[in-house]
Amino acid sequence: MLIVRSLAFNVAFYLNLIIQMIFWTPLYFALPRRKAWFVPKVWAASSLWLHKVLAGAHAEFSGLENLPDGPCIVAPKHQSFWDTIAFLPYIPDAIYILKRELMWIPLFGWYVAKMRMIPIDRGSRSKALRQAVRIARERLKENRQLIIYPEGTRRPPGAEPAYKYGIVELYKQLNVPVVPVAHVAGLHWPRRKFLRYPGTIRARFLPPIEPGLSREDFQERLIRETEAACDALLVQAAGEPNPPPLPETARRRLAELGVKTEGVLTKD
């Protein structure tokens, strides 16, 4: 049943993306940018609905009151494709930093270009960071919200944190609040895996870190607060009546936290 439900969701997810892009194209490109935002938001919300109905994974969001009214940086954990779309319906005017090659994909790249994201050349990290800071500063003047994943690449739940320096520099240069977002979605929508495990994915928007801290103090606080919230969500997920299988990284972290995991399946 798990394989069937996972297959059904994966097929429906990509069909939903293709059909909606084609269906909304005339209206999307005719509307002003801000008014056209409803199209990606509808797609993201419908994808979460399909995830719930077909894969049995329900999403719960808390702490939305911590999102500032004006410009800010939203800093989610990055464990899964789930966290690239799940927050979109709740962010008023999001900006993503993405590889410039994505802009070359027909139709998809055109959609992204209309929303004025930040495409960068990742060949040189220092050059890419300077480019991201410059463009983000202009975009934030429009009261937009920059979404950046502090660890850069997807990491499994419970893995030792590996935060990159980029978000530290963005925090210092852009002078706006940073809202960390904790979750363990990788338990239910694992990276590079076909299976989609049922259950409740909880995501928590944490209190914003206000601008003005030193680089060192900001980085320490970001890691400490995000990882503590992720640990709490991991413990909660592992204690569910029917928890998803736990990867070795999650088992190891739970053991460090003094949580026993006997009887919980291990995921390869």
C-alpha atoms as a PDB file:
ATOM      1  CA  MET A   1       0.000   0.000   0.000  1.00  0.00           C
ATOM      2  CA  LEU A   2       2.861   2.389   0.809  1.00  0.00           C
ATOM      3  CA  ILE A   3       4.365   1.858  -2.645  1.00  0.00           C
ATOM      4  CA  VAL A   4       0.999   2.345  -4.358  1.00  0.00           C
ATOM      5  CA  ARG A   5       0.231   5.546  -2.446  1.00  0.00           C
ATOM      6  CA  SER A   6       3.722   6.891  -3.057  1.00  0.00           C
ATOM      7  CA  LEU A   7       3.473   6.145  -6.757  1.00  0.00           C
ATOM      8  CA  ALA A   8       0.039   7.776  -6.968  1.00  0.00           C
ATOM      9  CA  PHE A   9       1.301  10.908  -5.258  1.00  0.00           C
ATOM     10  CA  ASN A  10       4.477  11.239  -7.326  1.00  0.00           C
ATOM     11  CA  VAL A  11       2.545  10.904 -10.577  1.00  0.00           C
ATOM     12  CA  ALA A  12      -0.162  13.324  -9.406  1.00  0.00           C
ATOM     13  CA  PHE A  13       2.433  15.821  -8.138  1.00  0.00           C
ATOM     14  CA  TYR A  14       4.177  16.217 -11.500  1.00  0.00           C
ATOM     15  CA  LEU A  15       0.932  16.136 -13.480  1.00  0.00           C
ATOM     16  CA  ASN A  16      -0.429  18.850 -11.221  1.00  0.00           C
ATOM     17  CA  LEU A  17       2.662  20.980 -11.881  1.00  0.00           C
ATOM     18  CA  ILE A  18       2.510  20.583 -15.657  1.00  0.00           C
ATOM     19  CA  ILE A  19      -1.258  21.024 -15.971  1.00  0.00           C
ATOM     20  CA  GLN A  20      -1.379  24.105 -13.753  1.00  0.00           C
ATOM     21  CA  MET A  21       1.517  25.796 -15.527  1.00  0.00           C
ATOM     22  CA  ILE A  22      -0.176  25.305 -18.875  1.00  0.00           C
ATOM     23  CA  PHE A  23      -3.662  26.212 -17.603  1.00  0.00           C
ATOM     24  CA  TRP A  24      -2.647  29.416 -15.830  1.00  0.00           C
ATOM     25  CA  THR A  25      -0.149  30.668 -18.414  1.00  0.00           C
ATOM     26  CA  PRO A  26      -2.387  33.227 -20.223  1.00  0.00           C
ATOM     27  CA  LEU A  27      -3.631  34.795 -16.980  1.00  0.00           C
ATOM     28  CA  TYR A  28      -0.326  34.532 -15.119  1.00  0.00           C
ATOM     29  CA  PHE A  29       1.660  36.471 -17.687  1.00  0.00           C
ATOM     30  CA  ALA A  30      -1.126  39.013 -18.250  1.00  0.00           C
ATOM     31  CA  LEU A  31      -1.399  39.997 -14.579  1.00  0.00           C
ATOM     32  CA  PRO A  32       0.978  42.312 -12.720  1.00  0.00           C
ATOM     33  CA  ARG A  33       3.642  40.411 -10.809  1.00  0.00           C
ATOM     34  CA  ARG A  34       2.173  40.725  -7.309  1.00  0.00           C
ATOM     35  CA  LYS A  35      -1.348  39.803  -8.408  1.00  0.00           C
ATOM     36  CA  ALA A  36       0.013  36.788 -10.305  1.00  0.00           C
ATOM     37  CA  TRP A  37       1.445  35.336  -7.070  1.00  0.00           C
ATOM     38  CA  PHE A  38      -1.801  33.474  -6.442  1.00  0.00           C
ATOM     39  CA  VAL A  39      -0.854  30.980  -9.171  1.00  0.00           C
ATOM     40  CA  PRO A  40       2.301  29.559  -7.500  1.00  0.00           C
ATOM     41  CA  LYS A  41       0.533  29.704  -4.130  1.00  0.00           C
ATOM     42  CA  VAL A  42      -2.428  27.710  -5.467  1.00  0.00           C
ATOM     43  CA  TRP A  43      -0.043  25.155  -6.953  1.00  0.00           C
ATOM     44  CA  ALA A  44       1.889  24.806  -3.689  1.00  0.00           C
ATOM     45  CA  ALA A  45      -1.305  24.478  -1.619  1.00  0.00           C
ATOM     46  CA  SER A  46      -2.759  21.921  -4.042  1.00  0.00           C
ATOM     47  CA  SER A  47       0.489  19.925  -3.889  1.00  0.00           C
ATOM     48  CA  LEU A  48       0.252  19.779  -0.084  1.00  0.00           C
ATOM     49  CA  TRP A  49      -3.380  18.684  -0.450  1.00  0.00           C
ATOM     50  CA  LEU A  50      -2.358  15.876  -2.815  1.00  0.00           C
ATOM     51  CA  HIS A  51       0.363  14.885  -0.355  1.00  0.00           C
ATOM     52  CA  LYS A  52      -2.260  14.606   2.371  1.00  0.00           C
ATOM     53  CA  VAL A  53      -4.921  12.793   0.336  1.00  0.00           C
ATOM     54  CA  LEU A  54      -2.720  10.394  -1.631  1.00  0.00           C
ATOM     55  CA  ALA A  55       0.284   9.880   0.652  1.00  0.00           C
ATOM     56  CA  GLY A  56      -1.459  10.421   3.991  1.00  0.00           C
ATOM     57  CA  ALA A  57       0.958  13.168   5.112  1.00  0.00           C
ATOM     58  CA  HIS A  58      -0.741  16.086   6.827  1.00  0.00           C
ATOM     59  CA  ALA A  59       1.093  19.397   7.291  1.00  0.00           C
ATOM     60  CA  GLU A  60       0.762  21.549  10.413  1.00  0.00           C
ATOM     61  CA  PHE A  61       2.286  25.027  10.691  1.00  0.00           C
ATOM     62  CA  SER A  62       2.777  26.950  13.928  1.00  0.00           C
ATOM     63  CA  GLY A  63       4.385  30.258  14.816  1.00  0.00           C
ATOM     64  CA  LEU A  64       3.116  32.077  11.727  1.00  0.00           C
ATOM     65  CA  GLU A  65       2.627  35.124  13.941  1.00  0.00           C
ATOM     66  CA  ASN A  66       6.436  35.370  14.066  1.00  0.00           C
ATOM     67  CA  LEU A  67       6.587  36.430  10.423  1.00  0.00           C
ATOM     68  CA  PRO A  68       7.202  40.219  10.312  1.00  0.00           C
ATOM     69  CA  ASP A  69       4.917  42.401   8.241  1.00  0.00           C
ATOM     70  CA  GLY A  70       7.789  43.879   6.270  1.00  0.00           C
ATOM     71  CA  PRO A  71      10.972  42.553   4.663  1.00  0.00           C
ATOM     72  CA  CYS A  72      12.783  39.680   6.347  1.00  0.00           C
ATOM     73  CA  ILE A  73      14.833  36.557   5.741  1.00  0.00           C
ATOM     74  CA  VAL A  74      13.055  33.232   6.228  1.00  0.00           C
ATOM     75  CA  ALA A  75      15.555  30.477   7.083  1.00  0.00           C
ATOM     76  CA  PRO A  76      14.080  26.948   6.982  1.00  0.00           C
ATOM     77  CA  LYS A  77      15.880  23.674   7.546  1.00  0.00           C
ATOM     78  CA  HIS A  78      16.470  21.942   4.223  1.00  0.00           C
ATOM     79  CA  GLN A  79      15.691  18.219   4.288  1.00  0.00           C
ATOM     80  CA  SER A  80      13.353  17.602   1.396  1.00  0.00           C
ATOM     81  CA  PHE A  81      11.671  19.008  -1.674  1.00  0.00           C
ATOM     82  CA  TRP A  82       8.729  19.510   0.687  1.00  0.00           C
ATOM     83  CA  ASP A  83      10.347  22.509   2.343  1.00  0.00           C
ATOM     84  CA  THR A  84      10.877  24.259  -0.995  1.00  0.00           C
ATOM     85  CA  ILE A  85       7.115  24.561  -1.569  1.00  0.00           C
ATOM     86  CA  ALA A  86       5.369  24.133   1.792  1.00  0.00           C
ATOM     87  CA  PHE A  87       5.923  27.679   3.082  1.00  0.00           C
ATOM     88  CA  LEU A  88       5.057  29.464  -0.141  1.00  0.00           C
ATOM     89  CA  PRO A  89       1.329  29.934   0.658  1.00  0.00           C
ATOM     90  CA  TYR A  90       2.243  31.722   3.902  1.00  0.00           C
ATOM     91  CA  ILE A  91       4.951  34.074   2.587  1.00  0.00           C
ATOM     92  CA  PRO A  92       3.421  37.260   1.119  1.00  0.00           C
ATOM     93  CA  ASP A  93       6.027  38.006  -1.570  1.00  0.00           C
ATOM     94  CA  ALA A  94       8.812  35.436  -1.493  1.00  0.00           C
ATOM     95  CA  ILE A  95      12.221  35.629  -3.122  1.00  0.00           C
ATOM     96  CA  TYR A  96      14.327  32.527  -3.741  1.00  0.00           C
ATOM     97  CA  ILE A  97      18.018  32.353  -4.538  1.00  0.00           C
ATOM     98  CA  LEU A  98      18.389  29.741  -7.264  1.00  0.00           C
ATOM     99  CA  LYS A  99      20.793  28.391  -9.842  1.00  0.00           C
ATOM    100  CA  ARG A 100      20.665  30.449 -13.017  1.00  0.00           C
ATOM    101  CA  GLU A 101      20.394  27.224 -15.062  1.00  0.00           C
ATOM    102  CA  LEU A 102      16.833  26.822 -13.783  1.00  0.00           C
ATOM    103  CA  MET A 103      15.905  29.962 -15.682  1.00  0.00           C
ATOM    104  CA  TRP A 104      16.690  28.163 -18.930  1.00  0.00           C
ATOM    105  CA  ILE A 105      13.921  25.557 -18.470  1.00  0.00           C
ATOM    106  CA  PRO A 106      11.058  26.361 -20.879  1.00  0.00           C
ATOM    107  CA  LEU A 107       7.880  27.609 -19.182  1.00  0.00           C
ATOM    108  CA  PHE A 108       9.201  26.941 -15.651  1.00  0.00           C
ATOM    109  CA  GLY A 109      12.013  29.434 -16.149  1.00  0.00           C
ATOM    110  CA  TRP A 110       9.563  31.980 -17.525  1.00  0.00           C
ATOM    111  CA  TYR A 111       7.369  31.569 -14.455  1.00  0.00           C
ATOM    112  CA  VAL A 112      10.362  32.124 -12.191  1.00  0.00           C
ATOM    113  CA  ALA A 113      11.558  35.131 -14.176  1.00  0.00           C
ATOM    114  CA  LYS A 114       8.220  36.912 -13.766  1.00  0.00           C
ATOM    115  CA  MET A 115       8.521  36.704  -9.990  1.00  0.00           C
ATOM    116  CA  ARG A 116      11.969  38.373 -10.108  1.00  0.00           C
ATOM    117  CA  MET A 117      13.919  35.810  -8.115  1.00  0.00           C
ATOM    118  CA  ILE A 118      17.707  35.849  -7.629  1.00  0.00           C
ATOM    119  CA  PRO A 119      19.449  33.603 -10.171  1.00  0.00           C
ATOM    120  CA  ILE A 120      23.141  33.186  -9.448  1.00  0.00           C
ATOM    121  CA  ASP A 121      26.170  31.510 -10.992  1.00  0.00           C
ATOM    122  CA  ARG A 122      27.445  29.091  -8.367  1.00  0.00           C
ATOM    123  CA  GLY A 123      30.806  28.680 -10.040  1.00  0.00           C
ATOM    124  CA  SER A 124      32.368  31.200  -7.663  1.00  0.00           C
ATOM    125  CA  ARG A 125      30.933  31.257  -4.144  1.00  0.00           C
ATOM    126  CA  SER A 126      32.251  34.702  -3.265  1.00  0.00           C
ATOM    127  CA  LYS A 127      30.979  36.196  -6.517  1.00  0.00           C
ATOM    128  CA  ALA A 128      27.610  34.466  -6.102  1.00  0.00           C
ATOM    129  CA  LEU A 129      27.270  35.794  -2.557  1.00  0.00           C
ATOM    130  CA  ARG A 130      28.054  39.364  -3.620  1.00  0.00           C
ATOM    131  CA  GLN A 131      25.534  39.054  -6.427  1.00  0.00           C
ATOM    132  CA  ALA A 132      22.873  37.663  -4.075  1.00  0.00           C
ATOM    133  CA  VAL A 133      23.427  40.468  -1.548  1.00  0.00           C
ATOM    134  CA  ARG A 134      23.210  43.156  -4.223  1.00  0.00           C
ATOM    135  CA  ILE A 135      19.995  41.855  -5.801  1.00  0.00           C
ATOM    136  CA  ALA A 136      18.376  40.920  -2.475  1.00  0.00           C
ATOM    137  CA  ARG A 137      18.946  44.442  -1.143  1.00  0.00           C
ATOM    138  CA  GLU A 138      16.963  45.836  -4.080  1.00  0.00           C
ATOM    139  CA  ARG A 139      14.199  43.246  -3.797  1.00  0.00           C
ATOM    140  CA  LEU A 140      13.751  43.786  -0.053  1.00  0.00           C
ATOM    141  CA  LYS A 141      13.057  47.459  -0.675  1.00  0.00           C
ATOM    142  CA  GLU A 142       9.789  46.200  -2.165  1.00  0.00           C
ATOM    143  CA  ASN A 143       8.779  44.657   1.204  1.00  0.00           C
ATOM    144  CA  ARG A 144       9.603  41.132   0.050  1.00  0.00           C
ATOM    145  CA  GLN A 145      10.764  38.099   2.041  1.00  0.00           C
ATOM    146  CA  LEU A 146      13.965  36.258   1.149  1.00  0.00           C
ATOM    147  CA  ILE A 147      13.869  32.480   1.649  1.00  0.00           C
ATOM    148  CA  ILE A 148      17.307  30.954   2.133  1.00  0.00           C
ATOM    149  CA  TYR A 149      18.332  27.521   3.416  1.00  0.00           C
ATOM    150  CA  PRO A 150      21.206  28.019   5.891  1.00  0.00           C
ATOM    151  CA  GLU A 151      22.761  24.609   5.198  1.00  0.00           C
ATOM    152  CA  GLY A 152      22.576  25.054   1.444  1.00  0.00           C
ATOM    153  CA  THR A 153      21.903  21.434   0.551  1.00  0.00           C
ATOM    154  CA  ARG A 154      19.374  18.893   1.776  1.00  0.00           C
ATOM    155  CA  ARG A 155      20.425  16.952   4.857  1.00  0.00           C
ATOM    156  CA  PRO A 156      18.633  14.030   6.553  1.00  0.00           C
ATOM    157  CA  PRO A 157      16.759  14.498   9.841  1.00  0.00           C
ATOM    158  CA  GLY A 158      19.029  14.396  12.861  1.00  0.00           C
ATOM    159  CA  ALA A 159      22.207  15.008  10.867  1.00  0.00           C
ATOM    160  CA  GLU A 160      24.888  17.135  12.470  1.00  0.00           C
ATOM    161  CA  PRO A 161      24.243  20.770  11.492  1.00  0.00           C
ATOM    162  CA  ALA A 162      26.396  22.184   8.698  1.00  0.00           C
ATOM    163  CA  TYR A 163      25.367  25.832   8.362  1.00  0.00           C
ATOM    164  CA  LYS A 164      27.029  27.810   5.594  1.00  0.00           C
ATOM    165  CA  TYR A 165      28.457  31.313   5.971  1.00  0.00           C
ATOM    166  CA  GLY A 166      26.165  32.796   3.304  1.00  0.00           C
ATOM    167  CA  ILE A 167      23.232  33.445   5.602  1.00  0.00           C
ATOM    168  CA  VAL A 168      25.515  35.132   8.130  1.00  0.00           C
ATOM    169  CA  GLU A 169      26.695  37.593   5.511  1.00  0.00           C
ATOM    170  CA  LEU A 170      23.168  38.167   4.223  1.00  0.00           C
ATOM    171  CA  TYR A 171      21.982  38.874   7.764  1.00  0.00           C
ATOM    172  CA  LYS A 172      24.771  41.401   8.318  1.00  0.00           C
ATOM    173  CA  GLN A 173      24.522  43.091   4.924  1.00  0.00           C
ATOM    174  CA  LEU A 174      20.730  43.243   4.559  1.00  0.00           C
ATOM    175  CA  ASN A 175      19.948  44.378   8.122  1.00  0.00           C
ATOM    176  CA  VAL A 176      16.540  42.691   8.388  1.00  0.00           C
ATOM    177  CA  PRO A 177      15.111  40.117  10.851  1.00  0.00           C
ATOM    178  CA  VAL A 178      15.759  36.422  10.262  1.00  0.00           C
ATOM    179  CA  VAL A 179      12.942  33.951  10.986  1.00  0.00           C
ATOM    180  CA  PRO A 180      14.258  30.386  11.469  1.00  0.00           C
ATOM    181  CA  VAL A 181      11.894  27.559  10.518  1.00  0.00           C
ATOM    182  CA  ALA A 182      12.235  24.126  12.132  1.00  0.00           C
ATOM    183  CA  HIS A 183      10.788  20.869  10.812  1.00  0.00           C
ATOM    184  CA  VAL A 184      11.657  17.221  10.201  1.00  0.00           C
ATOM    185  CA  ALA A 185       9.860  16.786   6.879  1.00  0.00           C
ATOM    186  CA  GLY A 186      12.653  14.497   5.695  1.00  0.00           C
ATOM    187  CA  LEU A 187      11.112  11.712   7.783  1.00  0.00           C
ATOM    188  CA  HIS A 188       8.025  11.732   5.548  1.00  0.00           C
ATOM    189  CA  TRP A 189       9.375  13.049   2.228  1.00  0.00           C
ATOM    190  CA  PRO A 190      12.996  11.802   2.219  1.00  0.00           C
ATOM    191  CA  ARG A 191      15.573  13.329  -0.070  1.00  0.00           C
ATOM    192  CA  ARG A 192      16.386  11.271  -3.183  1.00  0.00           C
ATOM    193  CA  LYS A 193      13.756   8.675  -2.253  1.00  0.00           C
ATOM    194  CA  PHE A 194      10.597   7.517  -4.010  1.00  0.00           C
ATOM    195  CA  LEU A 195       8.558   6.589  -0.926  1.00  0.00           C
ATOM    196  CA  ARG A 196       6.327   9.115   0.866  1.00  0.00           C
ATOM    197  CA  TYR A 197       5.554   8.140   4.451  1.00  0.00           C
ATOM    198  CA  PRO A 198       2.228   9.044   6.102  1.00  0.00           C
ATOM    199  CA  GLY A 199       1.896  11.034   9.293  1.00  0.00           C
ATOM    200  CA  THR A 200       1.965  14.653  10.415  1.00  0.00           C
ATOM    201  CA  ILE A 201       4.701  17.007   9.245  1.00  0.00           C
ATOM    202  CA  ARG A 202       5.028  19.831  11.745  1.00  0.00           C
ATOM    203  CA  ALA A 203       6.819  23.049  10.853  1.00  0.00           C
ATOM    204  CA  ARG A 204       7.477  25.797  13.387  1.00  0.00           C
ATOM    205  CA  PHE A 205       8.278  29.427  12.572  1.00  0.00           C
ATOM    206  CA  LEU A 206      10.519  30.585  15.410  1.00  0.00           C
ATOM    207  CA  PRO A 207      10.737  34.105  16.889  1.00  0.00           C
ATOM    208  CA  PRO A 208      12.694  36.411  14.586  1.00  0.00           C
ATOM    209  CA  ILE A 209      16.334  37.185  15.236  1.00  0.00           C
ATOM    210  CA  GLU A 210      16.486  40.948  15.027  1.00  0.00           C
ATOM    211  CA  PRO A 211      19.263  42.701  13.107  1.00  0.00           C
ATOM    212  CA  GLY A 212      22.235  44.190  14.913  1.00  0.00           C
ATOM    213  CA  LEU A 213      23.992  41.139  16.345  1.00  0.00           C
ATOM    214  CA  SER A 214      27.595  40.360  15.531  1.00  0.00           C
ATOM    215  CA  ARG A 215      28.200  37.683  12.920  1.00  0.00           C
ATOM    216  CA  GLU A 216      29.338  35.221  15.591  1.00  0.00           C
ATOM    217  CA  ASP A 217      26.392  35.869  17.919  1.00  0.00           C
ATOM    218  CA  PHE A 218      23.890  35.602  15.079  1.00  0.00           C
ATOM    219  CA  GLN A 219      25.299  32.331  13.797  1.00  0.00           C
ATOM    220  CA  GLU A 220      25.392  30.817  17.284  1.00  0.00           C
ATOM    221  CA  ARG A 221      21.812  31.831  18.010  1.00  0.00           C
ATOM    222  CA  LEU A 222      20.496  30.686  14.621  1.00  0.00           C
ATOM    223  CA  ILE A 223      22.028  27.231  14.986  1.00  0.00           C
ATOM    224  CA  ARG A 224      21.119  26.819  18.653  1.00  0.00           C
ATOM    225  CA  GLU A 225      17.477  27.847  18.317  1.00  0.00           C
ATOM    226  CA  THR A 226      16.826  26.049  15.029  1.00  0.00           C
ATOM    227  CA  GLU A 227      18.437  22.799  16.117  1.00  0.00           C
ATOM    228  CA  ALA A 228      16.691  22.807  19.513  1.00  0.00           C
ATOM    229  CA  ALA A 229      13.314  23.179  17.818  1.00  0.00           C
ATOM    230  CA  CYS A 230      14.179  20.458  15.273  1.00  0.00           C
ATOM    231  CA  ASP A 231      15.223  18.140  18.105  1.00  0.00           C
ATOM    232  CA  ALA A 232      11.864  18.698  19.823  1.00  0.00           C
ATOM    233  CA  LEU A 233       9.984  17.957  16.597  1.00  0.00           C
ATOM    234  CA  LEU A 234      12.101  14.857  15.981  1.00  0.00           C
ATOM    235  CA  VAL A 235      11.345  13.527  19.465  1.00  0.00           C
ATOM    236  CA  GLN A 236       7.651  14.243  18.921  1.00  0.00           C
ATOM    237  CA  ALA A 237       7.623  12.485  15.545  1.00  0.00           C
ATOM    238  CA  ALA A 238       9.443   9.431  16.908  1.00  0.00           C
ATOM    239  CA  GLY A 239       6.908   9.179  19.739  1.00  0.00           C
ATOM    240  CA  GLU A 240       3.854   9.067  17.469  1.00  0.00           C
ATOM    241  CA  PRO A 241       1.711   5.893  17.598  1.00  0.00           C
ATOM    242  CA  ASN A 242       2.784   5.048  14.026  1.00  0.00           C
ATOM    243  CA  PRO A 243       6.039   6.919  13.442  1.00  0.00           C
ATOM    244  CA  PRO A 244       7.753   6.941  10.050  1.00  0.00           C
ATOM    245  CA  PRO A 245      10.908   4.836   9.655  1.00  0.00           C
ATOM    246  CA  LEU A 246      13.917   6.633  11.097  1.00  0.00           C
ATOM    247  CA  PRO A 247      17.145   7.132   9.149  1.00  0.00           C
ATOM    248  CA  GLU A 248      20.348   6.339  10.979  1.00  0.00           C
ATOM    249  CA  THR A 249      21.056  10.043  11.499  1.00  0.00           C
ATOM    250  CA  ALA A 250      17.744  10.444  13.332  1.00  0.00           C
ATOM    251  CA  ARG A 251      18.347   7.360  15.492  1.00  0.00           C
ATOM    252  CA  ARG A 252      21.785   8.585  16.422  1.00  0.00           C
ATOM    253  CA  ARG A 253      20.491  12.041  17.360  1.00  0.00           C
ATOM    254  CA  LEU A 254      17.633  10.592  19.403  1.00  0.00           C
ATOM    255  CA  ALA A 255      20.121   8.420  21.263  1.00  0.00           C
ATOM    256  CA  GLU A 256      22.186  11.530  22.035  1.00  0.00           C
ATOM    257  CA  LEU A 257      19.017  13.125  23.409  1.00  0.00           C
ATOM    258  CA  GLY A 258      18.355  10.071  25.575  1.00  0.00           C
ATOM    259  CA  VAL A 259      15.301   8.915  23.599  1.00  0.00           C
ATOM    260  CA  LYS A 260      14.855   5.208  23.061  1.00  0.00           C
ATOM    261  CA  THR A 261      13.807   4.073  19.586  1.00  0.00           C
ATOM    262  CA  GLU A 262      13.189   0.358  20.072  1.00  0.00           C
ATOM    263  CA  GLY A 263      10.340  -0.817  17.890  1.00  0.00           C
ATOM    264  CA  VAL A 264      10.668   2.031  15.393  1.00  0.00           C
ATOM    265  CA  LEU A 265      11.584   0.922  11.899  1.00  0.00           C
ATOM    266  CA  THR A 266      14.929   1.868  10.436  1.00  0.00           C
ATOM    267  CA  LYS A 267      15.056   3.501   7.010  1.00  0.00           C
ATOM    268  CA  ASP A 268      17.919   2.673   4.663  1.00  0.00           C
END
